[in-house]
Amino acid sequence: MNDWTFICRVDDIPVLGARRVRRPAGTDVAIFRTEDDRVFALLDRCPHKGGPLSQGIVFGEHVACPLHNWAISLVDGEARAPDIGCATRFAVRVEAGVVSLLGSELATLGIDKAALAGVDPATARGMTATLSSNPRASSPSDANPCPSSCAQSQDPRVATPIFSV
């Protein structure tokens, strides 16, 4: 399937910086550019307390969350030890200086089911917080939506930047 969606030019993303991609539903996607012009995309939400990763500091292949300084890998979305958690990753393609994301991932990854059902996102977060603090949650995944391996996709292109020539 070839549903790549044009996002911007690499030069539109500051070196060691980020830009946000707004979506009709769900949390924005953060597009990051490293010092050597590699481009990565993660859900714009830290796995710790939901801080906006796009406002963090990019260093090497990581971004520091602006709220509590968690270091999140741009390559795989995992928090650097001793912290535990992961951010959802998105496949990125860079060709001739043009950055694209998979439209199918933009439409499905990191989309809150409550938002799709018309529930206010703030109310949905409150419902999630209530559920995660409930000791009777039906499974560990109810309390922590992040899989332990951080492997949201089996697609080998996910979080593997494609370099422009």
N, C-alpha and C. Protein backbone atom coordinates (compact mmCIF):
# COMPACT_ATOMS: atom_id res chain seq x y z
N MET A 1 0.85 -1.18 0.00
CA MET A 1 0.00 0.00 0.00
C MET A 1 0.89 1.24 0.00
N ASN A 2 0.56 2.21 -0.80
CA ASN A 2 1.36 3.41 -0.94
C ASN A 2 0.53 4.63 -0.60
N ASP A 3 0.27 4.82 0.68
CA ASP A 3 -0.56 5.96 1.08
C ASP A 3 0.24 6.99 1.85
N TRP A 4 1.41 7.33 1.33
CA TRP A 4 2.25 8.33 1.98
C TRP A 4 1.60 9.70 1.85
N THR A 5 1.60 10.45 2.95
CA THR A 5 1.00 11.77 3.00
C THR A 5 2.10 12.82 3.15
N PHE A 6 2.13 13.78 2.23
CA PHE A 6 3.10 14.88 2.31
C PHE A 6 2.86 15.64 3.61
N ILE A 7 3.95 15.90 4.35
CA ILE A 7 3.86 16.66 5.60
C ILE A 7 4.54 18.01 5.46
N CYS A 8 5.81 18.00 5.04
CA CYS A 8 6.57 19.24 4.92
C CYS A 8 7.89 18.94 4.22
N ARG A 9 8.73 19.93 4.10
CA ARG A 9 10.09 19.72 3.62
C ARG A 9 10.98 19.56 4.84
N VAL A 10 12.08 18.84 4.69
CA VAL A 10 13.01 18.66 5.82
C VAL A 10 13.43 20.02 6.37
N ASP A 11 13.68 20.98 5.48
CA ASP A 11 14.12 22.30 5.92
C ASP A 11 13.08 23.06 6.72
N ASP A 12 11.82 22.62 6.71
CA ASP A 12 10.77 23.24 7.52
C ASP A 12 10.87 22.84 8.99
N ILE A 13 11.65 21.79 9.27
CA ILE A 13 11.84 21.32 10.64
C ILE A 13 13.19 21.85 11.11
N PRO A 14 13.24 22.59 12.22
CA PRO A 14 14.54 23.10 12.66
C PRO A 14 15.49 21.96 13.05
N VAL A 15 16.78 22.14 12.78
CA VAL A 15 17.78 21.17 13.20
C VAL A 15 17.70 21.07 14.72
N LEU A 16 17.69 19.83 15.24
CA LEU A 16 17.52 19.56 16.66
C LEU A 16 16.20 20.12 17.19
N GLY A 17 15.19 20.09 16.34
CA GLY A 17 13.88 20.61 16.72
C GLY A 17 12.76 19.72 16.24
N ALA A 18 11.55 20.26 16.31
CA ALA A 18 10.36 19.49 15.97
C ALA A 18 9.27 20.39 15.41
N ARG A 19 8.33 19.75 14.76
CA ARG A 19 7.10 20.38 14.29
C ARG A 19 5.96 19.43 14.63
N ARG A 20 4.77 19.98 14.77
CA ARG A 20 3.59 19.15 15.06
C ARG A 20 2.74 18.97 13.82
N VAL A 21 2.17 17.78 13.70
CA VAL A 21 1.22 17.48 12.63
C VAL A 21 -0.13 17.32 13.30
N ARG A 22 -1.05 18.20 12.98
CA ARG A 22 -2.40 18.13 13.56
C ARG A 22 -3.20 17.06 12.82
N ARG A 23 -4.04 16.36 13.57
CA ARG A 23 -4.91 15.35 12.98
C ARG A 23 -6.35 15.66 13.35
N PRO A 24 -7.32 15.23 12.53
CA PRO A 24 -8.72 15.51 12.84
C PRO A 24 -9.17 14.87 14.16
N ALA A 25 -8.57 13.73 14.50
CA ALA A 25 -8.91 13.06 15.76
C ALA A 25 -7.61 12.58 16.39
N GLY A 26 -7.56 12.59 17.68
CA GLY A 26 -6.39 12.07 18.37
C GLY A 26 -5.32 13.10 18.62
N THR A 27 -4.29 12.65 19.30
CA THR A 27 -3.16 13.49 19.66
C THR A 27 -2.33 13.81 18.42
N ASP A 28 -1.75 15.01 18.40
CA ASP A 28 -0.88 15.40 17.30
C ASP A 28 0.31 14.45 17.19
N VAL A 29 0.97 14.49 16.05
CA VAL A 29 2.19 13.72 15.81
C VAL A 29 3.34 14.73 15.78
N ALA A 30 4.44 14.39 16.46
CA ALA A 30 5.63 15.25 16.46
C ALA A 30 6.63 14.70 15.46
N ILE A 31 7.14 15.58 14.60
CA ILE A 31 8.16 15.23 13.61
C ILE A 31 9.46 15.87 14.09
N PHE A 32 10.51 15.07 14.26
CA PHE A 32 11.79 15.53 14.79
C PHE A 32 12.88 15.46 13.74
N ARG A 33 13.84 16.40 13.84
CA ARG A 33 14.99 16.41 12.94
C ARG A 33 16.26 16.42 13.80
N THR A 34 17.13 15.46 13.55
CA THR A 34 18.38 15.38 14.30
C THR A 34 19.44 16.28 13.67
N GLU A 35 20.58 16.37 14.33
CA GLU A 35 21.66 17.21 13.84
C GLU A 35 22.17 16.77 12.48
N ASP A 36 22.09 15.44 12.21
CA ASP A 36 22.55 14.94 10.91
C ASP A 36 21.39 14.75 9.93
N ASP A 37 20.31 15.49 10.13
CA ASP A 37 19.16 15.57 9.22
C ASP A 37 18.32 14.30 9.12
N ARG A 38 18.41 13.41 10.09
CA ARG A 38 17.49 12.27 10.11
C ARG A 38 16.16 12.75 10.67
N VAL A 39 15.08 12.17 10.18
CA VAL A 39 13.74 12.60 10.58
C VAL A 39 13.00 11.42 11.20
N PHE A 40 12.35 11.67 12.34
CA PHE A 40 11.60 10.64 13.06
C PHE A 40 10.24 11.22 13.41
N ALA A 41 9.28 10.34 13.70
CA ALA A 41 7.94 10.78 14.09
C ALA A 41 7.44 9.95 15.26
N LEU A 42 6.95 10.63 16.28
CA LEU A 42 6.35 10.00 17.46
C LEU A 42 5.05 10.70 17.79
N LEU A 43 4.18 9.99 18.49
CA LEU A 43 2.98 10.64 19.02
C LEU A 43 3.46 11.75 19.95
N ASP A 44 2.85 12.91 19.88
CA ASP A 44 3.28 14.08 20.64
C ASP A 44 2.80 14.00 22.09
N ARG A 45 3.14 12.89 22.74
CA ARG A 45 2.70 12.69 24.13
C ARG A 45 3.72 11.79 24.83
N CYS A 46 4.32 12.32 25.88
CA CYS A 46 5.27 11.53 26.66
C CYS A 46 4.52 10.41 27.37
N PRO A 47 5.12 9.21 27.42
CA PRO A 47 4.44 8.10 28.09
C PRO A 47 4.36 8.27 29.61
N HIS A 48 5.06 9.22 30.17
CA HIS A 48 5.05 9.43 31.62
C HIS A 48 3.80 10.17 32.07
N LYS A 49 3.71 11.45 31.73
CA LYS A 49 2.59 12.28 32.16
C LYS A 49 1.92 13.01 31.01
N GLY A 50 2.21 12.60 29.77
CA GLY A 50 1.54 13.18 28.62
C GLY A 50 2.11 14.49 28.14
N GLY A 51 3.31 14.84 28.54
CA GLY A 51 3.93 16.09 28.10
C GLY A 51 4.10 16.14 26.59
N PRO A 52 4.06 17.34 26.02
CA PRO A 52 4.21 17.50 24.56
C PRO A 52 5.66 17.32 24.13
N LEU A 53 5.98 16.17 23.55
CA LEU A 53 7.36 15.89 23.15
C LEU A 53 7.88 16.89 22.12
N SER A 54 6.99 17.46 21.31
CA SER A 54 7.41 18.43 20.30
C SER A 54 8.01 19.69 20.93
N GLN A 55 7.77 19.90 22.21
CA GLN A 55 8.33 21.06 22.90
C GLN A 55 9.60 20.71 23.67
N GLY A 56 10.04 19.45 23.53
CA GLY A 56 11.23 18.99 24.23
C GLY A 56 12.51 19.34 23.48
N ILE A 57 13.63 18.99 24.09
CA ILE A 57 14.93 19.25 23.51
C ILE A 57 15.43 17.98 22.83
N VAL A 58 15.78 18.09 21.54
CA VAL A 58 16.30 16.96 20.78
C VAL A 58 17.81 16.91 20.99
N PHE A 59 18.31 15.73 21.35
CA PHE A 59 19.76 15.53 21.51
C PHE A 59 20.10 14.13 21.03
N GLY A 60 21.04 14.05 20.12
CA GLY A 60 21.39 12.75 19.53
C GLY A 60 20.15 12.14 18.89
N GLU A 61 19.81 10.92 19.32
CA GLU A 61 18.61 10.22 18.83
C GLU A 61 17.52 10.17 19.90
N HIS A 62 17.48 11.20 20.75
CA HIS A 62 16.49 11.27 21.83
C HIS A 62 15.83 12.63 21.88
N VAL A 63 14.70 12.70 22.57
CA VAL A 63 14.07 13.96 22.89
C VAL A 63 13.81 13.95 24.39
N ALA A 64 14.07 15.06 25.05
CA ALA A 64 13.81 15.19 26.48
C ALA A 64 12.42 15.79 26.67
N CYS A 65 11.56 15.11 27.40
CA CYS A 65 10.22 15.63 27.66
C CYS A 65 10.34 16.94 28.43
N PRO A 66 9.58 17.96 28.05
CA PRO A 66 9.69 19.25 28.72
C PRO A 66 9.11 19.26 30.14
N LEU A 67 8.33 18.25 30.51
CA LEU A 67 7.73 18.26 31.85
C LEU A 67 8.66 17.69 32.92
N HIS A 68 9.20 16.51 32.70
CA HIS A 68 9.98 15.85 33.74
C HIS A 68 11.31 15.31 33.23
N ASN A 69 11.72 15.76 32.03
CA ASN A 69 13.03 15.44 31.46
C ASN A 69 13.24 13.96 31.16
N TRP A 70 12.17 13.20 30.93
CA TRP A 70 12.35 11.82 30.49
C TRP A 70 12.98 11.86 29.11
N ALA A 71 13.97 11.00 28.87
CA ALA A 71 14.61 10.89 27.56
C ALA A 71 13.91 9.79 26.77
N ILE A 72 13.30 10.16 25.65
CA ILE A 72 12.57 9.23 24.80
C ILE A 72 13.36 9.03 23.51
N SER A 73 13.60 7.76 23.16
CA SER A 73 14.33 7.45 21.94
C SER A 73 13.49 7.80 20.71
N LEU A 74 14.09 8.51 19.79
CA LEU A 74 13.40 8.81 18.53
C LEU A 74 13.34 7.58 17.64
N VAL A 75 14.27 6.65 17.83
CA VAL A 75 14.36 5.46 16.99
C VAL A 75 13.23 4.47 17.30
N ASP A 76 13.01 4.18 18.59
CA ASP A 76 12.02 3.16 18.94
C ASP A 76 10.93 3.64 19.89
N GLY A 77 10.98 4.88 20.34
CA GLY A 77 9.95 5.43 21.21
C GLY A 77 10.11 5.07 22.68
N GLU A 78 11.12 4.26 23.03
CA GLU A 78 11.28 3.82 24.41
C GLU A 78 11.92 4.89 25.28
N ALA A 79 11.46 4.93 26.55
CA ALA A 79 12.08 5.81 27.54
C ALA A 79 13.43 5.23 27.93
N ARG A 80 14.38 6.09 28.17
CA ARG A 80 15.71 5.65 28.60
C ARG A 80 15.63 5.22 30.06
N ALA A 81 16.29 4.10 30.38
CA ALA A 81 16.33 3.58 31.76
C ALA A 81 16.90 4.65 32.69
N PRO A 82 16.43 4.74 33.89
CA PRO A 82 15.58 3.77 34.59
C PRO A 82 14.09 3.95 34.32
N ASP A 83 13.73 4.96 33.51
CA ASP A 83 12.31 5.18 33.23
C ASP A 83 11.78 4.08 32.31
N ILE A 84 10.48 3.82 32.42
CA ILE A 84 9.86 2.76 31.63
C ILE A 84 8.62 3.32 30.94
N GLY A 85 8.50 3.07 29.66
CA GLY A 85 7.36 3.51 28.88
C GLY A 85 7.78 3.71 27.44
N CYS A 86 6.82 3.97 26.58
CA CYS A 86 7.16 4.21 25.19
C CYS A 86 6.11 5.10 24.53
N ALA A 87 6.57 5.80 23.52
CA ALA A 87 5.70 6.65 22.72
C ALA A 87 5.43 5.93 21.40
N THR A 88 4.23 6.08 20.89
CA THR A 88 3.87 5.46 19.62
C THR A 88 4.72 6.05 18.49
N ARG A 89 5.25 5.18 17.64
CA ARG A 89 6.10 5.59 16.52
C ARG A 89 5.31 5.60 15.21
N PHE A 90 5.76 6.41 14.29
CA PHE A 90 5.15 6.49 12.96
C PHE A 90 6.24 6.32 11.91
N ALA A 91 5.90 5.62 10.83
CA ALA A 91 6.84 5.45 9.72
C ALA A 91 7.06 6.80 9.05
N VAL A 92 8.31 7.05 8.67
CA VAL A 92 8.69 8.30 8.02
C VAL A 92 9.40 7.98 6.71
N ARG A 93 9.09 8.76 5.69
CA ARG A 93 9.81 8.65 4.42
C ARG A 93 10.30 10.04 4.04
N VAL A 94 11.58 10.11 3.68
CA VAL A 94 12.16 11.36 3.21
C VAL A 94 12.74 11.09 1.84
N GLU A 95 12.20 11.77 0.84
CA GLU A 95 12.70 11.65 -0.53
C GLU A 95 12.83 13.04 -1.12
N ALA A 96 14.02 13.32 -1.65
CA ALA A 96 14.29 14.61 -2.27
C ALA A 96 13.93 15.77 -1.35
N GLY A 97 14.20 15.59 -0.06
CA GLY A 97 13.94 16.65 0.92
C GLY A 97 12.50 16.79 1.36
N VAL A 98 11.61 15.88 0.93
CA VAL A 98 10.19 15.93 1.29
C VAL A 98 9.89 14.87 2.34
N VAL A 99 9.26 15.28 3.44
CA VAL A 99 8.91 14.38 4.54
C VAL A 99 7.47 13.92 4.37
N SER A 100 7.26 12.60 4.44
CA SER A 100 5.91 12.03 4.33
C SER A 100 5.71 11.03 5.45
N LEU A 101 4.45 10.89 5.88
CA LEU A 101 4.04 9.88 6.85
C LEU A 101 2.98 9.01 6.21
N LEU A 102 2.87 7.78 6.68
CA LEU A 102 1.83 6.88 6.16
C LEU A 102 0.45 7.37 6.58
N GLY A 103 -0.41 7.62 5.60
CA GLY A 103 -1.76 8.08 5.89
C GLY A 103 -2.53 7.10 6.74
N SER A 104 -2.32 5.80 6.51
CA SER A 104 -3.04 4.79 7.29
C SER A 104 -2.64 4.85 8.76
N GLU A 105 -1.37 5.14 9.05
CA GLU A 105 -0.95 5.27 10.45
C GLU A 105 -1.48 6.56 11.06
N LEU A 106 -1.47 7.65 10.29
CA LEU A 106 -2.02 8.91 10.80
C LEU A 106 -3.49 8.76 11.19
N ALA A 107 -4.20 7.91 10.45
CA ALA A 107 -5.64 7.72 10.69
C ALA A 107 -5.93 6.73 11.81
N THR A 108 -4.93 5.93 12.22
CA THR A 108 -5.24 4.88 13.19
C THR A 108 -4.39 4.87 14.45
N LEU A 109 -3.08 5.14 14.34
CA LEU A 109 -2.21 5.04 15.51
C LEU A 109 -2.44 6.19 16.48
N GLY A 110 -2.53 5.86 17.76
CA GLY A 110 -2.67 6.89 18.78
C GLY A 110 -3.99 7.62 18.76
N ILE A 111 -4.99 7.04 18.13
CA ILE A 111 -6.32 7.65 18.11
C ILE A 111 -7.11 7.11 19.29
N ASP A 112 -7.56 8.00 20.14
CA ASP A 112 -8.34 7.63 21.31
C ASP A 112 -9.73 7.19 20.88
N LYS A 113 -10.12 5.98 21.26
CA LYS A 113 -11.44 5.47 20.87
C LYS A 113 -12.56 6.37 21.37
N ALA A 114 -12.38 6.97 22.55
CA ALA A 114 -13.41 7.87 23.08
C ALA A 114 -13.57 9.10 22.20
N ALA A 115 -12.44 9.62 21.66
CA ALA A 115 -12.52 10.79 20.79
C ALA A 115 -13.31 10.46 19.53
N LEU A 116 -13.11 9.24 19.01
CA LEU A 116 -13.85 8.84 17.83
C LEU A 116 -15.34 8.70 18.14
N ALA A 117 -15.65 8.38 19.38
CA ALA A 117 -17.05 8.21 19.78
C ALA A 117 -17.70 9.54 20.15
N GLY A 118 -16.94 10.63 20.06
CA GLY A 118 -17.49 11.94 20.34
C GLY A 118 -17.35 12.37 21.79
N VAL A 119 -16.56 11.66 22.59
CA VAL A 119 -16.34 12.05 23.98
C VAL A 119 -15.22 13.09 24.00
N ASP A 120 -15.40 14.12 24.81
CA ASP A 120 -14.39 15.16 24.95
C ASP A 120 -13.08 14.52 25.40
N PRO A 121 -11.93 14.84 24.75
CA PRO A 121 -10.65 14.23 25.10
C PRO A 121 -10.28 14.40 26.57
N ALA A 122 -10.57 15.57 27.17
CA ALA A 122 -10.25 15.77 28.58
C ALA A 122 -11.05 14.81 29.45
N THR A 123 -12.31 14.61 29.12
CA THR A 123 -13.14 13.65 29.85
C THR A 123 -12.60 12.25 29.68
N ALA A 124 -12.17 11.92 28.45
CA ALA A 124 -11.62 10.59 28.18
C ALA A 124 -10.36 10.35 29.00
N ARG A 125 -9.48 11.38 29.11
CA ARG A 125 -8.27 11.22 29.92
C ARG A 125 -8.64 10.99 31.37
N GLY A 126 -9.66 11.70 31.85
CA GLY A 126 -10.12 11.49 33.22
C GLY A 126 -10.63 10.08 33.43
N MET A 127 -11.34 9.55 32.43
CA MET A 127 -11.85 8.18 32.54
C MET A 127 -10.68 7.21 32.56
N THR A 128 -9.63 7.47 31.76
CA THR A 128 -8.47 6.60 31.73
C THR A 128 -7.74 6.65 33.06
N ALA A 129 -7.59 7.86 33.63
CA ALA A 129 -6.91 7.99 34.91
C ALA A 129 -7.68 7.24 36.00
N THR A 130 -9.00 7.32 35.96
CA THR A 130 -9.81 6.61 36.93
C THR A 130 -9.63 5.12 36.78
N LEU A 131 -9.62 4.65 35.54
CA LEU A 131 -9.45 3.23 35.30
C LEU A 131 -8.08 2.75 35.76
N SER A 132 -7.01 3.52 35.47
CA SER A 132 -5.68 3.07 35.82
C SER A 132 -5.46 3.07 37.32
N SER A 133 -6.19 3.88 38.07
CA SER A 133 -6.03 3.87 39.51
C SER A 133 -6.95 2.85 40.17
N ASN A 134 -7.76 2.18 39.39
CA ASN A 134 -8.69 1.18 39.91
C ASN A 134 -7.95 -0.14 40.11
N PRO A 135 -7.84 -0.63 41.35
CA PRO A 135 -7.12 -1.88 41.58
C PRO A 135 -7.82 -3.08 40.96
N ARG A 136 -9.06 -2.93 40.54
CA ARG A 136 -9.79 -4.03 39.93
C ARG A 136 -9.75 -3.99 38.42
N ALA A 137 -8.83 -3.24 37.85
CA ALA A 137 -8.71 -3.20 36.39
C ALA A 137 -8.59 -4.63 35.88
N SER A 138 -9.28 -4.91 34.78
CA SER A 138 -9.38 -6.29 34.33
C SER A 138 -8.07 -6.89 33.84
N SER A 139 -7.12 -6.08 33.41
CA SER A 139 -5.83 -6.62 32.98
C SER A 139 -4.78 -5.54 33.12
N PRO A 140 -3.50 -5.92 33.16
CA PRO A 140 -2.46 -4.91 33.24
C PRO A 140 -2.52 -3.91 32.10
N SER A 141 -2.98 -4.33 30.94
CA SER A 141 -3.03 -3.40 29.82
C SER A 141 -4.07 -2.31 30.03
N ASP A 142 -5.06 -2.55 30.91
CA ASP A 142 -6.03 -1.51 31.22
C ASP A 142 -5.35 -0.35 31.94
N ALA A 143 -4.39 -0.68 32.80
CA ALA A 143 -3.71 0.35 33.58
C ALA A 143 -2.57 0.99 32.81
N ASN A 144 -1.95 0.28 31.90
CA ASN A 144 -0.82 0.79 31.14
C ASN A 144 -0.99 0.42 29.68
N PRO A 145 -1.45 1.35 28.83
CA PRO A 145 -1.71 1.02 27.43
C PRO A 145 -0.45 0.77 26.62
N CYS A 146 0.72 1.02 27.17
CA CYS A 146 1.95 0.84 26.42
C CYS A 146 2.43 -0.60 26.54
N PRO A 147 2.61 -1.30 25.43
CA PRO A 147 3.13 -2.66 25.50
C PRO A 147 4.54 -2.67 26.04
N SER A 148 4.91 -3.72 26.75
CA SER A 148 6.22 -3.75 27.38
C SER A 148 7.36 -3.68 26.38
N SER A 149 7.17 -4.19 25.19
CA SER A 149 8.25 -4.19 24.20
C SER A 149 8.28 -2.92 23.37
N CYS A 150 7.28 -2.09 23.46
CA CYS A 150 7.17 -0.86 22.67
C CYS A 150 7.08 -1.14 21.18
N ALA A 151 6.76 -2.34 20.80
CA ALA A 151 6.68 -2.68 19.37
C ALA A 151 5.24 -2.56 18.91
N GLN A 152 4.81 -1.34 18.58
CA GLN A 152 3.43 -1.13 18.16
C GLN A 152 3.17 -1.71 16.79
N SER A 153 4.20 -1.89 16.01
CA SER A 153 3.99 -2.34 14.64
C SER A 153 5.05 -3.36 14.27
N GLN A 154 4.67 -4.33 13.48
CA GLN A 154 5.63 -5.30 12.97
C GLN A 154 6.25 -4.81 11.67
N ASP A 155 5.81 -3.69 11.17
CA ASP A 155 6.31 -3.13 9.93
C ASP A 155 7.74 -2.66 10.12
N PRO A 156 8.71 -3.21 9.41
CA PRO A 156 10.10 -2.82 9.61
C PRO A 156 10.40 -1.38 9.25
N ARG A 157 9.50 -0.71 8.53
CA ARG A 157 9.73 0.69 8.17
C ARG A 157 9.45 1.62 9.32
N VAL A 158 8.72 1.17 10.34
CA VAL A 158 8.33 2.05 11.43
C VAL A 158 9.57 2.47 12.19
N ALA A 159 9.67 3.78 12.41
CA ALA A 159 10.77 4.40 13.14
C ALA A 159 12.12 4.18 12.48
N THR A 160 12.14 3.77 11.24
CA THR A 160 13.38 3.66 10.49
C THR A 160 13.41 4.80 9.50
N PRO A 161 14.19 5.84 9.80
CA PRO A 161 14.18 6.98 8.90
C PRO A 161 14.80 6.61 7.55
N ILE A 162 14.25 7.16 6.52
CA ILE A 162 14.80 6.97 5.17
C ILE A 162 15.49 8.27 4.82
N PHE A 163 16.76 8.21 4.54
CA PHE A 163 17.55 9.40 4.33
C PHE A 163 17.41 9.90 2.90
N SER A 164 17.39 11.21 2.76
CA SER A 164 17.37 11.78 1.43
C SER A 164 18.78 11.81 0.88
N VAL A 165 18.89 11.74 -0.42
CA VAL A 165 20.20 11.73 -1.05
C VAL A 165 20.54 13.09 -1.59
